C-alpha atoms as a PDB file:
ATOM      1  CA  MET A   1      99.105 125.826 116.099  1.00  0.00           C
ATOM      2  CA  ILE A   2     101.978 124.280 114.162  1.00  0.00           C
ATOM      3  CA  ARG A   3     103.867 126.766 112.001  1.00  0.00           C
ATOM      4  CA  THR A   4     104.441 125.820 108.374  1.00  0.00           C
ATOM      5  CA  ALA A   5     106.766 127.401 105.850  1.00  0.00           C
ATOM      6  CA  PHE A   6     107.033 127.039 102.094  1.00  0.00           C
ATOM      7  CA  ARG A   7     109.067 127.800  99.020  1.00  0.00           C
ATOM      8  CA  ILE A   8     108.748 127.135  95.324  1.00  0.00           C
ATOM      9  CA  HIS A   9     111.930 125.448  94.146  1.00  0.00           C
ATOM     10  CA  PRO A  10     113.011 124.656  90.568  1.00  0.00           C
ATOM     11  CA  THR A  11     113.711 121.033  89.622  1.00  0.00           C
ATOM     12  CA  PRO A  12     114.298 119.278  86.294  1.00  0.00           C
ATOM     13  CA  LEU A  13     110.637 118.176  86.480  1.00  0.00           C
ATOM     14  CA  GLY A  14     109.289 121.696  87.016  1.00  0.00           C
ATOM     15  CA  ASP A  15     108.754 123.942  90.004  1.00  0.00           C
ATOM     16  CA  ALA A  16     108.211 122.062  93.257  1.00  0.00           C
ATOM     17  CA  LEU A  17     106.185 123.265  96.211  1.00  0.00           C
ATOM     18  CA  ILE A  18     108.079 122.478  99.419  1.00  0.00           C
ATOM     19  CA  VAL A  19     106.259 122.827 102.739  1.00  0.00           C
ATOM     20  CA  VAL A  20     107.851 122.100 106.102  1.00  0.00           C
ATOM     21  CA  GLY A  21     106.413 122.176 109.595  1.00  0.00           C
ATOM     22  CA  ASP A  22     107.743 121.687 113.095  1.00  0.00           C
ATOM     23  CA  GLU A  23     107.648 117.892 112.618  1.00  0.00           C
ATOM     24  CA  GLY A  24     109.366 117.797 109.207  1.00  0.00           C
ATOM     25  CA  LEU A  25     108.534 117.785 105.502  1.00  0.00           C
ATOM     26  CA  VAL A  26     104.766 118.075 104.945  1.00  0.00           C
ATOM     27  CA  VAL A  27     104.569 118.534 101.163  1.00  0.00           C
ATOM     28  CA  LEU A  28     106.878 118.114  98.207  1.00  0.00           C
ATOM     29  CA  HIS A  29     104.870 118.331  95.042  1.00  0.00           C
ATOM     30  CA  VAL A  30     105.945 119.158  91.500  1.00  0.00           C
ATOM     31  CA  GLN A  31     103.474 121.784  90.340  1.00  0.00           C
ATOM     32  CA  ASP A  32     101.219 121.357  87.364  1.00  0.00           C
ATOM     33  CA  GLY A  33      99.361 124.637  87.767  1.00  0.00           C
ATOM     34  CA  PRO A  34      99.637 128.086  89.318  1.00  0.00           C
ATOM     35  CA  ASP A  35     101.412 128.249  92.678  1.00  0.00           C
ATOM     36  CA  ASP A  36      98.553 130.200  94.254  1.00  0.00           C
ATOM     37  CA  ASP A  37      96.036 127.417  93.561  1.00  0.00           C
ATOM     38  CA  ALA A  38      98.214 124.792  95.222  1.00  0.00           C
ATOM     39  CA  LEU A  39      98.923 127.013  98.206  1.00  0.00           C
ATOM     40  CA  HIS A  40      95.251 127.807  98.775  1.00  0.00           C
ATOM     41  CA  GLU A  41      94.298 124.115  98.600  1.00  0.00           C
ATOM     42  CA  LEU A  42      97.101 123.283 100.997  1.00  0.00           C
ATOM     43  CA  ALA A  43      96.134 126.071 103.402  1.00  0.00           C
ATOM     44  CA  GLU A  44      92.663 124.553 103.563  1.00  0.00           C
ATOM     45  CA  ALA A  45      94.072 121.125 104.421  1.00  0.00           C
ATOM     46  CA  LEU A  46      96.494 122.547 107.004  1.00  0.00           C
ATOM     47  CA  GLY A  47      94.078 125.033 108.521  1.00  0.00           C
ATOM     48  CA  ALA A  48      96.518 127.902 107.941  1.00  0.00           C
ATOM     49  CA  PHE A  49      98.471 129.466 105.103  1.00  0.00           C
ATOM     50  CA  PRO A  50     102.185 128.548 105.192  1.00  0.00           C
ATOM     51  CA  ASP A  51     104.690 131.384 105.449  1.00  0.00           C
ATOM     52  CA  PRO A  52     107.241 131.943 102.679  1.00  0.00           C
ATOM     53  CA  ASP A  53     110.574 131.033 104.273  1.00  0.00           C
ATOM     54  CA  ALA A  54     113.625 130.017 102.244  1.00  0.00           C
ATOM     55  CA  GLU A  55     115.699 129.363 105.359  1.00  0.00           C
ATOM     56  CA  ALA A  56     113.200 126.935 106.912  1.00  0.00           C
ATOM     57  CA  THR A  57     112.991 124.954 103.664  1.00  0.00           C
ATOM     58  CA  ALA A  58     116.708 125.161 102.777  1.00  0.00           C
ATOM     59  CA  SER A  59     117.626 121.636 103.879  1.00  0.00           C
ATOM     60  CA  VAL A  60     114.899 120.090 101.711  1.00  0.00           C
ATOM     61  CA  ALA A  61     115.859 122.228  98.699  1.00  0.00           C
ATOM     62  CA  THR A  62     119.561 121.392  99.109  1.00  0.00           C
ATOM     63  CA  GLN A  63     118.930 117.663  99.407  1.00  0.00           C
ATOM     64  CA  LEU A  64     116.574 117.765  96.434  1.00  0.00           C
ATOM     65  CA  ASP A  65     119.240 119.510  94.332  1.00  0.00           C
ATOM     66  CA  GLU A  66     121.814 116.899  95.422  1.00  0.00           C
ATOM     67  CA  TYR A  67     119.411 114.095  94.469  1.00  0.00           C
ATOM     68  CA  PHE A  68     118.882 115.522  90.980  1.00  0.00           C
ATOM     69  CA  ALA A  69     122.650 116.082  90.617  1.00  0.00           C
ATOM     70  CA  GLY A  70     123.183 112.379  91.355  1.00  0.00           C
ATOM     71  CA  SER A  71     125.167 112.950  94.537  1.00  0.00           C
ATOM     72  CA  ARG A  72     122.397 111.983  97.011  1.00  0.00           C
ATOM     73  CA  ARG A  73     120.835 108.544  97.202  1.00  0.00           C
ATOM     74  CA  ALA A  74     118.969 108.889 100.501  1.00  0.00           C
ATOM     75  CA  PHE A  75     117.156 111.846 102.001  1.00  0.00           C
ATOM     76  CA  GLU A  76     117.880 112.743 105.599  1.00  0.00           C
ATOM     77  CA  LEU A  77     114.626 114.485 106.422  1.00  0.00           C
ATOM     78  CA  ASP A  78     111.915 113.997 108.991  1.00  0.00           C
ATOM     79  CA  LEU A  79     108.541 113.401 107.376  1.00  0.00           C
ATOM     80  CA  ASP A  80     105.344 114.934 108.705  1.00  0.00           C
ATOM     81  CA  LEU A  81     102.583 112.693 107.369  1.00  0.00           C
ATOM     82  CA  ARG A  82      99.715 114.657 108.932  1.00  0.00           C
ATOM     83  CA  LEU A  83      97.948 114.833 105.570  1.00  0.00           C
ATOM     84  CA  VAL A  84      97.652 111.036 105.255  1.00  0.00           C
ATOM     85  CA  ARG A  85      95.806 108.550 107.416  1.00  0.00           C
ATOM     86  CA  GLY A  86      95.239 104.834 107.909  1.00  0.00           C
ATOM     87  CA  PHE A  87      96.562 102.363 105.400  1.00  0.00           C
ATOM     88  CA  THR A  88      97.862 105.160 103.176  1.00  0.00           C
ATOM     89  CA  ARG A  89     100.340 106.072 105.899  1.00  0.00           C
ATOM     90  CA  ALA A  90     101.471 102.450 106.276  1.00  0.00           C
ATOM     91  CA  ALA A  91     101.823 102.096 102.506  1.00  0.00           C
ATOM     92  CA  LEU A  92     103.906 105.264 102.187  1.00  0.00           C
ATOM     93  CA  ARG A  93     106.172 104.175 105.025  1.00  0.00           C
ATOM     94  CA  ALA A  94     106.692 100.859 103.198  1.00  0.00           C
ATOM     95  CA  VAL A  95     107.444 102.750  99.969  1.00  0.00           C
ATOM     96  CA  CYS A  96     110.182 104.637 101.835  1.00  0.00           C
ATOM     97  CA  GLU A  97     111.952 101.308 102.418  1.00  0.00           C
ATOM     98  CA  ILE A  98     112.485 100.636  98.694  1.00  0.00           C
ATOM     99  CA  PRO A  99     116.211 101.225  98.092  1.00  0.00           C
ATOM    100  CA  TYR A 100     117.538 103.801  95.647  1.00  0.00           C
ATOM    101  CA  GLY A 101     117.707 102.427  92.126  1.00  0.00           C
ATOM    102  CA  GLU A 102     115.396  99.493  92.870  1.00  0.00           C
ATOM    103  CA  THR A 103     111.680  98.931  92.356  1.00  0.00           C
ATOM    104  CA  ALA A 104     108.919  96.981  94.077  1.00  0.00           C
ATOM    105  CA  SER A 105     105.499  96.008  92.812  1.00  0.00           C
ATOM    106  CA  TYR A 106     102.276  97.383  94.247  1.00  0.00           C
ATOM    107  CA  GLY A 107     101.645  93.899  95.658  1.00  0.00           C
ATOM    108  CA  GLU A 108     105.059  93.734  97.338  1.00  0.00           C
ATOM    109  CA  VAL A 109     104.438  97.103  98.975  1.00  0.00           C
ATOM    110  CA  ALA A 110     101.003  95.912 100.140  1.00  0.00           C
ATOM    111  CA  VAL A 111     102.640  92.904 101.830  1.00  0.00           C
ATOM    112  CA  ALA A 112     105.294  95.148 103.441  1.00  0.00           C
ATOM    113  CA  ALA A 113     102.547  97.487 104.681  1.00  0.00           C
ATOM    114  CA  GLY A 114     100.728  94.587 106.345  1.00  0.00           C
ATOM    115  CA  SER A 115      97.793  94.160 103.933  1.00  0.00           C
ATOM    116  CA  PRO A 116      98.773  91.628 101.249  1.00  0.00           C
ATOM    117  CA  ARG A 117      95.599  92.068  99.193  1.00  0.00           C
ATOM    118  CA  ALA A 118      95.678  95.880  99.167  1.00  0.00           C
ATOM    119  CA  HIS A 119      97.714  96.419  95.988  1.00  0.00           C
ATOM    120  CA  ARG A 120      95.093  98.823  94.579  1.00  0.00           C
ATOM    121  CA  ALA A 121      95.138 100.829  97.807  1.00  0.00           C
ATOM    122  CA  VAL A 122      98.924 101.058  97.457  1.00  0.00           C
ATOM    123  CA  GLY A 123      98.402 102.494  93.978  1.00  0.00           C
ATOM    124  CA  SER A 124      96.018 105.093  95.386  1.00  0.00           C
ATOM    125  CA  ALA A 125      98.450 105.949  98.185  1.00  0.00           C
ATOM    126  CA  CYS A 126     101.273 106.436  95.681  1.00  0.00           C
ATOM    127  CA  ALA A 127      99.107 108.572  93.396  1.00  0.00           C
ATOM    128  CA  ARG A 128      97.968 110.795  96.258  1.00  0.00           C
ATOM    129  CA  THR A 129     101.105 111.107  98.348  1.00  0.00           C
ATOM    130  CA  PRO A 130     101.667 114.710  99.428  1.00  0.00           C
ATOM    131  CA  ILE A 131     105.411 114.069  99.454  1.00  0.00           C
ATOM    132  CA  SER A 132     106.815 113.002  96.110  1.00  0.00           C
ATOM    133  CA  ILE A 133     110.415 112.066  95.318  1.00  0.00           C
ATOM    134  CA  VAL A 134     111.432 111.886  99.018  1.00  0.00           C
ATOM    135  CA  VAL A 135     108.665 109.302  99.450  1.00  0.00           C
ATOM    136  CA  PRO A 136     109.809 107.376  96.372  1.00  0.00           C
ATOM    137  CA  ALA A 137     106.463 106.359  94.880  1.00  0.00           C
ATOM    138  CA  HIS A 138     108.245 106.383  91.520  1.00  0.00           C
ATOM    139  CA  ARG A 139     109.940 103.131  92.605  1.00  0.00           C
ATOM    140  CA  VAL A 140     106.601 101.291  92.751  1.00  0.00           C
ATOM    141  CA  VAL A 141     105.770  99.475  89.526  1.00  0.00           C
ATOM    142  CA  ARG A 142     103.169  97.075  88.207  1.00  0.00           C
ATOM    143  CA  THR A 143     103.624  93.336  88.676  1.00  0.00           C
ATOM    144  CA  ASP A 144     104.528  92.957  85.006  1.00  0.00           C
ATOM    145  CA  GLY A 145     107.344  95.485  85.449  1.00  0.00           C
ATOM    146  CA  SER A 146     105.650  98.307  83.526  1.00  0.00           C
ATOM    147  CA  ILE A 147     105.916 101.624  85.296  1.00  0.00           C
ATOM    148  CA  GLY A 148     102.295 102.734  85.628  1.00  0.00           C
ATOM    149  CA  GLU A 149     100.926 106.245  85.562  1.00  0.00           C
ATOM    150  CA  TYR A 150     102.587 108.119  88.478  1.00  0.00           C
ATOM    151  CA  GLY A 151      99.692 110.497  89.053  1.00  0.00           C
ATOM    152  CA  GLY A 152      99.175 110.971  85.322  1.00  0.00           C
ATOM    153  CA  ARG A 153     102.831 111.836  84.720  1.00  0.00           C
ATOM    154  CA  PRO A 154     104.573 108.680  83.523  1.00  0.00           C
ATOM    155  CA  GLU A 155     107.294 110.842  81.945  1.00  0.00           C
ATOM    156  CA  HIS A 156     108.263 112.034  85.447  1.00  0.00           C
ATOM    157  CA  LYS A 157     108.400 108.461  86.696  1.00  0.00           C
ATOM    158  CA  ARG A 158     110.570 107.407  83.732  1.00  0.00           C
ATOM    159  CA  PHE A 159     112.865 110.366  84.414  1.00  0.00           C
ATOM    160  CA  LEU A 160     113.262 109.527  88.118  1.00  0.00           C
ATOM    161  CA  LEU A 161     113.832 105.825  87.468  1.00  0.00           C
ATOM    162  CA  GLY A 162     116.358 106.725  84.762  1.00  0.00           C
ATOM    163  CA  LEU A 163     118.110 109.159  87.083  1.00  0.00           C
ATOM    164  CA  GLU A 164     118.465 106.463  89.728  1.00  0.00           C
ATOM    165  CA  ALA A 165     119.704 103.974  87.129  1.00  0.00           C
ATOM    166  CA  GLY A 166     122.413 106.476  86.165  1.00  0.00           C
ATOM    167  CA  GLY A 167     121.051 107.107  82.697  1.00  0.00           C
ATOM    168  CA  ILE A 168     119.740 110.674  82.951  1.00  0.00           C
ATOM    169  CA  SER A 169     121.578 113.842  83.858  1.00  0.00           C
ATOM    170  CA  THR A 170     119.590 116.562  82.106  1.00  0.00           C
ATOM    171  CA  SER A 171     116.050 117.893  82.010  1.00  0.00           C
ATOM    172  CA  ALA A 172     112.933 115.719  81.940  1.00  0.00           C
ATOM    173  CA  ARG A 173     111.390 118.234  79.576  1.00  0.00           C
ATOM    174  CA  GLU A 174     113.626 117.377  76.616  1.00  0.00           C
END
């Protein structure tokens, strides 16, 4: 069995659940509810409850802090995409190729992922990614340039896009 470890880490967007395994980062999700609920749902998906371990998750937390401070433009982390399958995996890998500070449309990501007509599936992949921020789904926008929903949190997407454009250096909650 693959060991997983977690921590809850503060960010300008709220507390983030970070889960790492032997293969890399499994989950990075800004919480919108109690930590226990998210951990129990995740334990079901993983088949085991992750262990609290600040040391095992330290690299992710440090890089996340550097990103929000504006001193990191690229994450140097292995990704463990065990929670995603099929086209979703291809779409998220294509999303990872969008450079810092730039955007791509859902259609452009579909083409890059090898399925030019799958723009709606790209939207679903972005909305359901278990790894936010590091997998920069916030960089995927509608064809008309509008930002879209970002899992029902457009304010988070605006914050992240603003951060990468150099226009935000404080809390998203203001």
